[in-house]
Amino acid sequence: MSGWPSSLRSRLTLWYTVLLGLPLIGFAVGSDLLFARTLQNRTDRFIGDALTAFSRELTAERRTAVGVDQAIRSTIDEVRFRDLHIAILDRAGNVVAKSGFAEGEDGSRIVGALRGRDLTQAAAVTVRGDRGNYRIDARPLTVGGTPLSLTGIYSLNDIEETLAQVRRMFLIAIPVLVLCAATGGSFLAKRSLEPVASMAARAAAMGASNLGERLPVGGGDELVGLARVLNDLLDRLEGSFAQQRRFVADASHELRTPTAILRSEADITLSKTHRDEGEYRASVQVMQDAARRLSRIVDDLFLLARADSGHLVEHRESLYLEDVVDEAARALRSVADRRGVQIELVRLVEAPAKGDPDLLGRMVLNLIDNAIKYSPDAGIVRVDMTRQDGWCRIAVSDQGPGVPAEARERIFERFFRVDAARSRSDTSATSGAGLGLAIARRIAELHAGRLELADGRPGHTEFAATLPLDGSPLPGPA
């Protein structure tokens, strides 16, 4: 808006001034109208009472006077009121008698103003004269059968001077009060916004290198609440930056190993001019394995990146979870056989649901592959399904060394591995970079479910995925 101040402090000061100034102006105008109306009503009552008293005296004088004219002149001479002039006119508008006004003065003008009126009706008007305004109250009067008009004329100079003094007082007091309000409003706005300025300065000084700093908390409940919300946001940002740094460092470390293998193997192969077919095949086999591992890591990273950004497209369709579990188990039997591990499907229950079959298959495959990698020789990986109250639980357990208590909170973090107990295996259907559980949990969350470590003791490690079947709420954590 053109002319509207851009500073919040200026806006608050302006609003404070306007909100105080407008009521003051309204109060002044209303007071002036009320005073003027009250004083006019008091004047009219005074004139009316005076004319009533004059008419009574005239009636009494008529009883003793010789004629009407004598009674009128005698009453005019004897009955006088302070600041009130009385004139008696006949029905033609001619002055019969008057008091207080000399010829050629305001009295003649005022009396002349009455000649154009119906003198048979009572009337009260204000007439402007050379020396100010006059209030005139005229009423019909009959004396000795003669119809007359009794008129009271009162000068409004004192009243108007009183009103002028009141107006001058308002004209001086209101600007002073508005100026004081503007000054006080500006001071209060500055004091109130000091915490905001302090938070803004602290926030401006923050960067990726000092995300550990926090905004000052103070300045009232509203600003305290704002500071706490922003500090909570900074806590989440700091955690996200730290996780991103760990993710980048871990990803670069995981990608460095297969790329180094590819480069070194290629350098060794090319360093010799003559090699037989067997040596070339062995070298290419090493590079192929490294390339496959590199490809799986990159695929996993892209999947997680798309899921985090909300761009992971889900093809939701009707499916049966028991078919997904059975296909994943069949796909990994060859991997399990190479490790000497047996996959046992303890129980498969009918579980119709809606979801992305590829993603759900990837989740189950990751869980079973994770169990195969950490199972001892001749171990058994058990897959069990249960269904209850509109949800399905898929549990995958192994007989490995378990998960230490201190690592259970981080087991679903990306690139996290408990290297001392659950080491990497080369015979794996996934990348083996510590992304399998993170991907599995993300897929479960995308399907409004959850994945948790149900048991991590040595000899029995169990991961359980709980998925809704018909939109029913999930049960509480196990």
Protein backbone atom coordinates (compact mmCIF):
# COMPACT_ATOMS: atom_id res chain seq x y z
CA MET A 1 0.00 0.00 0.00
CA SER A 2 1.45 3.37 -1.05
CA GLY A 3 2.38 5.55 1.93
CA TRP A 4 2.00 2.72 4.43
CA PRO A 5 5.13 2.35 6.58
CA SER A 6 7.15 -0.81 5.98
CA SER A 7 8.59 -0.95 9.49
CA LEU A 8 6.60 -3.04 11.95
CA ARG A 9 7.53 -0.61 14.70
CA SER A 10 6.16 2.31 12.65
CA ARG A 11 2.99 0.36 11.88
CA LEU A 12 2.39 -0.47 15.53
CA THR A 13 3.01 3.16 16.50
CA LEU A 14 0.64 4.39 13.79
CA TRP A 15 -2.08 1.94 14.75
CA TYR A 16 -1.67 2.80 18.43
CA THR A 17 -1.92 6.51 17.62
CA VAL A 18 -4.93 6.11 15.33
CA LEU A 19 -6.77 3.84 17.76
CA LEU A 20 -6.30 6.42 20.52
CA GLY A 21 -6.74 9.53 18.39
CA LEU A 22 -10.03 8.55 16.75
CA PRO A 23 -11.85 7.88 20.06
CA LEU A 24 -10.50 11.18 21.43
CA ILE A 25 -11.77 13.08 18.40
CA GLY A 26 -15.12 11.29 18.65
CA PHE A 27 -15.28 12.11 22.36
CA ALA A 28 -14.51 15.78 21.66
CA VAL A 29 -17.16 16.09 18.94
CA GLY A 30 -19.74 14.26 21.05
CA SER A 31 -18.94 16.37 24.11
CA ASP A 32 -19.24 19.59 22.11
CA LEU A 33 -22.63 18.57 20.73
CA LEU A 34 -23.81 17.47 24.18
CA PHE A 35 -22.65 20.70 25.85
CA ALA A 36 -24.25 22.85 23.14
CA ARG A 37 -27.53 20.94 23.35
CA THR A 38 -27.58 21.05 27.15
CA LEU A 39 -26.86 24.77 27.31
CA GLN A 40 -29.51 25.48 24.66
CA ASN A 41 -32.10 23.46 26.58
CA ARG A 42 -31.23 25.33 29.78
CA THR A 43 -31.53 28.65 27.92
CA ASP A 44 -34.92 27.69 26.49
CA ARG A 45 -36.16 26.68 29.94
CA PHE A 46 -34.94 29.98 31.43
CA ILE A 47 -36.63 32.03 28.69
CA GLY A 48 -39.83 30.00 29.03
CA ASP A 49 -39.94 30.42 32.82
CA ALA A 50 -39.25 34.15 32.47
CA LEU A 51 -42.01 34.63 29.89
CA THR A 52 -44.45 32.71 32.06
CA ALA A 53 -43.65 34.94 35.02
CA PHE A 54 -43.96 38.05 32.80
CA SER A 55 -47.37 36.98 31.45
CA ARG A 56 -48.68 36.39 34.98
CA GLU A 57 -47.47 39.81 36.06
CA LEU A 58 -49.02 41.38 32.98
CA THR A 59 -52.34 39.70 33.73
CA ALA A 60 -52.25 41.01 37.30
CA GLU A 61 -51.28 44.50 36.12
CA ARG A 62 -54.18 44.53 33.65
CA ARG A 63 -56.65 44.33 36.54
CA THR A 64 -55.43 47.63 38.02
CA ALA A 65 -54.34 49.52 34.88
CA VAL A 66 -56.62 51.85 32.91
CA GLY A 67 -55.91 50.19 29.57
CA VAL A 68 -53.94 47.46 27.83
CA ASP A 69 -51.15 49.78 26.72
CA GLN A 70 -50.68 51.12 30.22
CA ALA A 71 -50.58 47.59 31.66
CA ILE A 72 -47.98 46.52 29.08
CA ARG A 73 -45.74 49.58 29.65
CA SER A 74 -46.04 49.25 33.41
CA THR A 75 -45.13 45.55 33.31
CA ILE A 76 -42.22 46.19 30.89
CA ASP A 77 -40.86 48.81 33.29
CA GLU A 78 -41.29 46.76 36.43
CA VAL A 79 -40.45 43.17 35.36
CA ARG A 80 -36.86 42.74 34.24
CA PHE A 81 -34.58 39.71 33.94
CA ARG A 82 -30.82 39.62 33.70
CA ASP A 83 -29.58 39.22 30.13
CA LEU A 84 -33.17 38.71 28.89
CA HIS A 85 -34.94 41.27 26.71
CA ILE A 86 -38.68 41.21 26.24
CA ALA A 87 -40.65 42.53 23.27
CA ILE A 88 -44.42 42.55 22.72
CA LEU A 89 -45.68 42.55 19.15
CA ASP A 90 -49.16 42.77 17.72
CA ARG A 91 -50.39 40.28 15.16
CA ALA A 92 -49.17 42.52 12.33
CA GLY A 93 -45.63 42.25 13.64
CA ASN A 94 -45.42 45.81 14.94
CA VAL A 95 -43.61 46.38 18.21
CA VAL A 96 -46.00 47.40 20.98
CA ALA A 97 -43.35 47.53 23.70
CA LYS A 98 -39.82 46.32 24.25
CA SER A 99 -37.09 46.38 26.87
CA GLY A 100 -33.30 46.48 26.68
CA PHE A 101 -32.75 47.30 22.99
CA ALA A 102 -32.27 50.77 21.64
CA GLU A 103 -33.38 51.77 18.18
CA GLY A 104 -30.95 50.88 15.43
CA GLU A 105 -29.34 48.08 17.47
CA ASP A 106 -29.73 44.33 17.29
CA GLY A 107 -33.20 44.62 18.83
CA SER A 108 -34.66 46.13 15.66
CA ARG A 109 -33.08 43.40 13.49
CA ILE A 110 -34.27 40.67 15.80
CA VAL A 111 -37.78 41.99 16.07
CA GLY A 112 -37.81 42.43 12.31
CA ALA A 113 -36.92 38.75 11.91
CA LEU A 114 -40.13 37.86 13.76
CA ARG A 115 -42.47 39.76 11.44
CA GLY A 116 -42.29 37.07 8.77
CA ARG A 117 -43.40 34.35 11.16
CA ASP A 118 -46.82 33.13 12.26
CA LEU A 119 -47.16 34.92 15.57
CA THR A 120 -50.16 32.84 16.57
CA GLN A 121 -47.88 29.86 17.12
CA ALA A 122 -45.17 29.40 19.72
CA ALA A 123 -41.67 29.26 18.24
CA ALA A 124 -38.05 29.22 19.38
CA VAL A 125 -35.31 30.28 16.93
CA THR A 126 -31.72 31.48 16.92
CA VAL A 127 -31.01 34.75 15.12
CA ARG A 128 -27.62 36.22 14.25
CA GLY A 129 -27.10 39.87 15.20
CA ASP A 130 -24.23 42.36 14.95
CA ARG A 131 -22.99 41.46 18.41
CA GLY A 132 -23.54 37.73 18.31
CA ASN A 133 -26.33 35.19 18.23
CA TYR A 134 -29.61 35.50 20.12
CA ARG A 135 -32.09 32.89 21.21
CA ILE A 136 -35.66 34.00 20.66
CA ASP A 137 -38.71 32.35 22.20
CA ALA A 138 -42.09 33.72 21.03
CA ARG A 139 -45.50 32.66 22.29
CA PRO A 140 -49.02 34.02 21.67
CA LEU A 141 -50.61 36.22 24.40
CA THR A 142 -54.09 37.75 24.75
CA VAL A 143 -54.51 40.80 27.01
CA GLY A 144 -57.96 42.38 27.37
CA GLY A 145 -59.15 40.63 24.26
CA THR A 146 -56.19 41.93 22.27
CA PRO A 147 -54.09 39.21 20.59
CA LEU A 148 -50.37 39.81 21.04
CA SER A 149 -47.04 37.93 20.76
CA LEU A 150 -44.79 37.80 23.84
CA THR A 151 -41.16 37.38 22.83
CA GLY A 152 -38.07 36.71 24.96
CA ILE A 153 -34.64 37.52 23.52
CA TYR A 154 -31.52 36.10 25.19
CA SER A 155 -27.92 36.75 24.13
CA LEU A 156 -25.87 33.59 23.49
CA ASN A 157 -22.49 35.31 23.80
CA ASP A 158 -21.66 33.79 27.20
CA ILE A 159 -22.72 30.32 26.08
CA GLU A 160 -20.76 30.55 22.86
CA GLU A 161 -17.70 31.79 24.74
CA THR A 162 -17.96 28.80 27.09
CA LEU A 163 -18.25 26.42 24.14
CA ALA A 164 -15.31 28.13 22.42
CA GLN A 165 -13.18 27.65 25.52
CA VAL A 166 -14.11 23.96 25.64
CA ARG A 167 -13.24 23.60 21.93
CA ARG A 168 -9.91 25.35 22.40
CA MET A 169 -9.18 23.00 25.27
CA PHE A 170 -9.91 19.99 23.04
CA LEU A 171 -7.84 21.44 20.17
CA ILE A 172 -4.86 21.72 22.50
CA ALA A 173 -5.35 18.58 24.59
CA ILE A 174 -6.08 16.11 21.78
CA PRO A 175 -2.89 16.79 19.73
CA VAL A 176 -0.84 16.70 22.93
CA LEU A 177 -2.41 13.40 23.96
CA VAL A 178 -1.98 11.95 20.46
CA LEU A 179 1.67 13.06 20.41
CA CYS A 180 2.22 11.47 23.82
CA ALA A 181 0.48 8.32 22.59
CA ALA A 182 2.68 8.21 19.48
CA THR A 183 5.83 8.68 21.57
CA GLY A 184 4.76 6.09 24.11
CA GLY A 185 3.61 3.72 21.39
CA SER A 186 6.93 4.00 19.60
CA PHE A 187 8.80 3.34 22.84
CA LEU A 188 6.61 0.36 23.74
CA ALA A 189 6.87 -1.04 20.21
CA LYS A 190 10.64 -0.73 20.34
CA ARG A 191 10.80 -2.45 23.73
CA SER A 192 8.38 -5.16 22.61
CA LEU A 193 10.27 -5.84 19.37
CA GLU A 194 13.75 -5.91 20.94
CA PRO A 195 13.55 -9.70 21.48
CA VAL A 196 12.53 -10.11 17.82
CA ALA A 197 15.51 -8.01 16.70
CA SER A 198 17.77 -10.05 18.96
CA MET A 199 16.43 -13.31 17.50
CA ALA A 200 16.81 -11.94 13.96
CA ALA A 201 20.42 -10.92 14.61
CA ARG A 202 21.23 -14.31 16.11
CA ALA A 203 19.51 -16.13 13.24
CA ALA A 204 21.36 -14.00 10.66
CA ALA A 205 24.67 -15.04 12.21
CA MET A 206 23.83 -18.73 11.98
CA GLY A 207 25.14 -20.96 9.24
CA ALA A 208 25.98 -24.54 8.50
CA SER A 209 29.12 -24.21 10.65
CA ASN A 210 27.34 -23.05 13.84
CA LEU A 211 23.94 -24.73 13.78
CA GLY A 212 24.46 -25.61 17.44
CA GLU A 213 23.58 -22.05 18.49
CA ARG A 214 20.02 -21.26 19.53
CA LEU A 215 17.81 -18.20 19.59
CA PRO A 216 17.39 -16.31 22.89
CA VAL A 217 14.16 -17.12 24.71
CA GLY A 218 12.34 -14.17 26.29
CA GLY A 219 10.04 -11.22 25.73
CA GLY A 220 6.60 -12.53 26.69
CA ASP A 221 4.66 -15.72 26.24
CA GLU A 222 4.12 -15.23 22.48
CA LEU A 223 7.78 -14.54 21.71
CA VAL A 224 8.91 -17.28 24.08
CA GLY A 225 6.66 -19.70 22.20
CA LEU A 226 8.02 -18.46 18.86
CA ALA A 227 11.62 -18.81 20.04
CA ARG A 228 11.00 -22.34 21.28
CA VAL A 229 9.35 -23.35 18.00
CA LEU A 230 12.27 -21.93 16.03
CA ASN A 231 14.78 -23.60 18.35
CA ASP A 232 12.99 -26.91 17.87
CA LEU A 233 13.20 -26.32 14.12
CA LEU A 234 16.93 -25.64 14.47
CA ASP A 235 17.30 -28.86 16.47
CA ARG A 236 15.69 -30.78 13.64
CA LEU A 237 17.78 -28.97 11.04
CA GLU A 238 20.95 -29.69 12.98
CA GLY A 239 19.99 -33.33 13.21
CA SER A 240 19.19 -33.43 9.49
CA PHE A 241 22.50 -31.76 8.60
CA ALA A 242 24.40 -34.16 10.82
CA GLN A 243 22.57 -37.13 9.30
CA GLN A 244 23.25 -35.77 5.82
CA ARG A 245 26.94 -35.36 6.57
CA ARG A 246 27.10 -38.90 7.91
CA PHE A 247 25.15 -40.12 4.90
CA VAL A 248 27.52 -38.41 2.45
CA ALA A 249 30.58 -39.66 4.31
CA ASP A 250 29.26 -43.21 4.52
CA ALA A 251 28.07 -43.20 0.92
CA SER A 252 31.43 -41.96 -0.32
CA HIS A 253 33.15 -44.64 1.76
CA GLU A 254 30.89 -47.40 0.44
CA LEU A 255 31.24 -46.21 -3.16
CA ARG A 256 35.00 -45.85 -2.83
CA THR A 257 35.54 -49.59 -2.23
CA PRO A 258 33.97 -51.00 -5.43
CA THR A 259 35.33 -48.15 -7.56
CA ALA A 260 38.81 -48.77 -6.14
CA ILE A 261 38.48 -52.46 -6.92
CA LEU A 262 37.41 -51.68 -10.48
CA ARG A 263 40.27 -49.27 -11.04
CA SER A 264 42.98 -51.40 -9.45
CA GLU A 265 41.84 -54.56 -11.25
CA ALA A 266 41.75 -52.73 -14.56
CA ASP A 267 45.23 -51.29 -13.94
CA ILE A 268 46.64 -54.72 -13.08
CA THR A 269 45.01 -56.35 -16.11
CA LEU A 270 46.33 -53.69 -18.47
CA SER A 271 49.79 -53.65 -16.95
CA LYS A 272 50.67 -57.03 -18.53
CA THR A 273 50.84 -57.34 -22.29
CA HIS A 274 50.32 -61.09 -22.44
CA ARG A 275 47.76 -63.02 -20.39
CA ASP A 276 45.89 -66.21 -20.96
CA GLU A 277 42.12 -66.47 -21.13
CA GLY A 278 41.74 -67.74 -17.58
CA GLU A 279 43.50 -64.71 -16.10
CA TYR A 280 41.35 -62.34 -18.14
CA ARG A 281 38.18 -64.15 -17.10
CA ALA A 282 39.16 -64.05 -13.43
CA SER A 283 39.95 -60.33 -13.67
CA VAL A 284 36.68 -59.55 -15.45
CA GLN A 285 34.80 -61.63 -12.85
CA VAL A 286 36.27 -59.46 -10.07
CA MET A 287 35.29 -56.28 -11.91
CA GLN A 288 31.81 -57.68 -12.57
CA ASP A 289 31.25 -58.39 -8.87
CA ALA A 290 32.47 -54.89 -7.95
CA ALA A 291 30.26 -53.34 -10.61
CA ARG A 292 27.23 -55.27 -9.35
CA ARG A 293 27.87 -54.14 -5.80
CA LEU A 294 28.34 -50.55 -6.99
CA SER A 295 25.09 -50.76 -8.98
CA ARG A 296 23.16 -52.11 -5.97
CA ILE A 297 24.48 -49.33 -3.71
CA VAL A 298 23.54 -46.66 -6.25
CA ASP A 299 20.06 -48.15 -6.71
CA ASP A 300 19.52 -48.18 -2.95
CA LEU A 301 20.67 -44.59 -2.63
CA PHE A 302 18.33 -43.45 -5.39
CA LEU A 303 15.42 -45.29 -3.80
CA LEU A 304 16.02 -43.62 -0.43
CA ALA A 305 16.50 -40.21 -2.04
CA ARG A 306 13.20 -40.51 -3.91
CA ALA A 307 11.41 -41.67 -0.78
CA ASP A 308 12.79 -38.77 1.30
CA SER A 309 11.80 -36.20 -1.34
CA GLY A 310 8.30 -37.64 -1.68
CA HIS A 311 8.87 -38.58 -5.34
CA LEU A 312 8.79 -42.33 -4.85
CA VAL A 313 5.92 -43.41 -7.07
CA GLU A 314 3.81 -46.16 -5.53
CA HIS A 315 1.70 -48.35 -7.80
CA ARG A 316 -0.96 -49.28 -5.29
CA GLU A 317 -3.01 -52.27 -6.28
CA SER A 318 -4.81 -55.15 -4.66
CA LEU A 319 -2.43 -57.94 -3.64
CA TYR A 320 -1.95 -60.79 -1.19
CA LEU A 321 0.90 -60.35 1.28
CA GLU A 322 1.39 -64.10 1.60
CA ASP A 323 2.26 -64.24 -2.12
CA VAL A 324 4.76 -61.41 -1.67
CA VAL A 325 6.42 -63.23 1.25
CA ASP A 326 6.50 -66.57 -0.57
CA GLU A 327 8.06 -65.07 -3.72
CA ALA A 328 10.74 -63.25 -1.69
CA ALA A 329 11.62 -66.46 0.16
CA ARG A 330 11.85 -68.43 -3.10
CA ALA A 331 14.07 -65.73 -4.66
CA LEU A 332 16.59 -65.99 -1.80
CA ARG A 333 16.81 -69.77 -1.45
CA SER A 334 19.83 -69.91 -3.74
CA VAL A 335 21.59 -67.24 -1.65
CA ALA A 336 20.71 -69.15 1.51
CA ASP A 337 21.96 -72.42 0.04
CA ARG A 338 25.37 -70.92 -0.72
CA ARG A 339 25.64 -69.97 2.95
CA GLY A 340 24.29 -73.28 4.18
CA VAL A 341 21.25 -71.56 5.67
CA GLN A 342 17.70 -72.88 5.55
CA ILE A 343 14.65 -70.63 5.00
CA GLU A 344 11.60 -71.91 6.84
CA LEU A 345 8.14 -70.52 6.16
CA VAL A 346 6.55 -71.12 9.56
CA ARG A 347 3.13 -69.84 8.67
CA LEU A 348 1.49 -68.07 5.74
CA VAL A 349 -1.96 -66.55 6.27
CA GLU A 350 -4.29 -65.02 3.74
CA ALA A 351 -3.71 -61.26 3.90
CA PRO A 352 -5.36 -59.20 1.14
CA ALA A 353 -4.07 -55.66 1.10
CA LYS A 354 -3.40 -52.66 -1.14
CA GLY A 355 0.09 -51.51 -1.93
CA ASP A 356 3.04 -51.52 -4.29
CA PRO A 357 4.01 -55.18 -4.83
CA ASP A 358 7.54 -54.30 -5.94
CA LEU A 359 8.26 -52.17 -2.88
CA LEU A 360 6.68 -54.63 -0.46
CA GLY A 361 8.66 -57.45 -2.08
CA ARG A 362 11.81 -55.37 -1.64
CA MET A 363 11.00 -54.92 2.04
CA VAL A 364 10.54 -58.65 2.70
CA LEU A 365 13.57 -59.51 0.56
CA ASN A 366 15.74 -57.10 2.57
CA LEU A 367 14.57 -58.58 5.86
CA ILE A 368 15.21 -62.18 4.78
CA ASP A 369 18.54 -61.29 3.14
CA ASN A 370 19.62 -59.49 6.33
CA ALA A 371 18.77 -62.60 8.36
CA ILE A 372 20.70 -64.85 5.94
CA LYS A 373 23.83 -62.68 6.13
CA TYR A 374 24.02 -62.88 9.91
CA SER A 375 22.92 -66.49 10.40
CA PRO A 376 25.53 -69.03 11.46
CA ASP A 377 26.40 -71.97 9.21
CA ALA A 378 23.51 -74.45 9.05
CA GLY A 379 21.30 -71.85 10.69
CA ILE A 380 17.58 -71.44 10.12
CA VAL A 381 15.82 -68.24 9.02
CA ARG A 382 12.16 -68.35 10.03
CA VAL A 383 9.44 -66.29 8.35
CA ASP A 384 6.11 -66.12 10.16
CA MET A 385 2.86 -64.29 9.34
CA THR A 386 -0.01 -63.48 11.70
CA ARG A 387 -3.20 -61.56 11.09
CA GLN A 388 -5.48 -59.87 13.60
CA ASP A 389 -8.03 -57.03 13.65
CA GLY A 390 -7.33 -55.67 10.18
CA TRP A 391 -3.53 -55.78 10.28
CA CYS A 392 -0.85 -58.27 9.35
CA ARG A 393 2.48 -58.93 11.08
CA ILE A 394 5.43 -60.35 9.10
CA ALA A 395 8.23 -61.56 11.39
CA VAL A 396 11.68 -62.63 10.15
CA SER A 397 14.07 -64.16 12.69
CA ASP A 398 17.57 -65.64 12.57
CA GLN A 399 19.90 -67.47 14.97
CA GLY A 400 22.74 -65.00 14.68
CA PRO A 401 24.73 -63.23 17.38
CA GLY A 402 21.96 -60.69 18.07
CA VAL A 403 22.05 -56.91 18.31
CA PRO A 404 23.78 -55.24 21.28
CA ALA A 405 21.53 -53.06 23.40
CA GLU A 406 23.56 -49.92 22.62
CA ALA A 407 23.07 -50.48 18.86
CA ARG A 408 19.33 -51.18 18.83
CA GLU A 409 18.38 -47.52 18.53
CA ARG A 410 20.63 -47.08 15.50
CA ILE A 411 20.04 -50.35 13.71
CA PHE A 412 17.72 -48.67 11.18
CA GLU A 413 20.12 -45.82 10.41
CA ARG A 414 21.57 -45.73 6.93
CA PHE A 415 25.02 -47.30 6.51
CA PHE A 416 24.98 -48.44 10.12
CA ARG A 417 26.37 -51.92 10.80
CA VAL A 418 27.37 -53.62 14.02
CA ASP A 419 30.65 -54.75 12.47
CA ALA A 420 31.93 -56.67 15.45
CA ALA A 421 29.01 -59.11 15.55
CA ARG A 422 27.06 -58.82 12.29
CA SER A 423 29.76 -58.49 9.65
CA ARG A 424 29.30 -57.97 5.92
CA SER A 425 28.73 -60.97 3.73
CA ASP A 426 29.69 -61.14 0.09
CA THR A 427 26.85 -63.57 -0.71
CA SER A 428 24.00 -61.09 -0.55
CA ALA A 429 21.09 -60.08 -2.74
CA THR A 430 21.33 -56.50 -1.52
CA SER A 431 24.13 -53.96 -1.47
CA GLY A 432 25.54 -54.98 1.90
CA ALA A 433 26.22 -51.32 2.66
CA GLY A 434 23.95 -51.02 5.68
CA LEU A 435 20.96 -49.73 3.70
CA GLY A 436 18.68 -52.77 3.72
CA LEU A 437 16.91 -52.12 7.04
CA ALA A 438 16.63 -48.38 6.37
CA ILE A 439 14.95 -49.09 3.03
CA ALA A 440 12.67 -51.73 4.56
CA ARG A 441 11.49 -49.35 7.30
CA ARG A 442 10.89 -46.56 4.77
CA ILE A 443 8.78 -48.88 2.61
CA ALA A 444 6.73 -49.93 5.64
CA GLU A 445 6.11 -46.28 6.52
CA LEU A 446 5.05 -45.52 2.95
CA HIS A 447 2.36 -48.18 3.38
CA ALA A 448 1.15 -46.68 6.70
CA GLY A 449 2.90 -49.45 8.62
CA ARG A 450 6.01 -49.82 10.74
CA LEU A 451 9.10 -51.96 11.06
CA GLU A 452 10.73 -52.62 14.41
CA LEU A 453 13.32 -54.80 16.08
CA ALA A 454 11.14 -57.17 18.09
CA ASP A 455 13.99 -59.19 19.66
CA GLY A 456 17.76 -58.78 19.49
CA ARG A 457 19.15 -61.30 21.95
CA PRO A 458 21.94 -63.69 20.87
CA GLY A 459 20.54 -66.75 19.11
CA HIS A 460 17.27 -65.07 18.23
CA THR A 461 17.11 -61.80 16.32
CA GLU A 462 13.66 -60.90 15.04
CA PHE A 463 12.46 -58.03 12.87
CA ALA A 464 8.69 -57.52 12.56
CA ALA A 465 6.81 -55.50 9.91
CA THR A 466 3.23 -54.55 10.76
CA LEU A 467 1.03 -53.47 7.86
CA PRO A 468 -2.65 -52.42 7.76
CA LEU A 469 -5.00 -54.45 5.57
CA ASP A 470 -8.21 -52.41 5.45
CA GLY A 471 -7.32 -49.00 6.85
CA SER A 472 -7.62 -50.14 10.47
CA PRO A 473 -5.35 -48.40 12.99
CA LEU A 474 -2.16 -50.25 13.80
CA PRO A 475 -1.74 -51.87 17.20
CA GLY A 476 0.65 -50.42 19.73
CA PRO A 477 4.35 -51.28 19.58
CA ALA A 478 5.22 -54.76 20.67
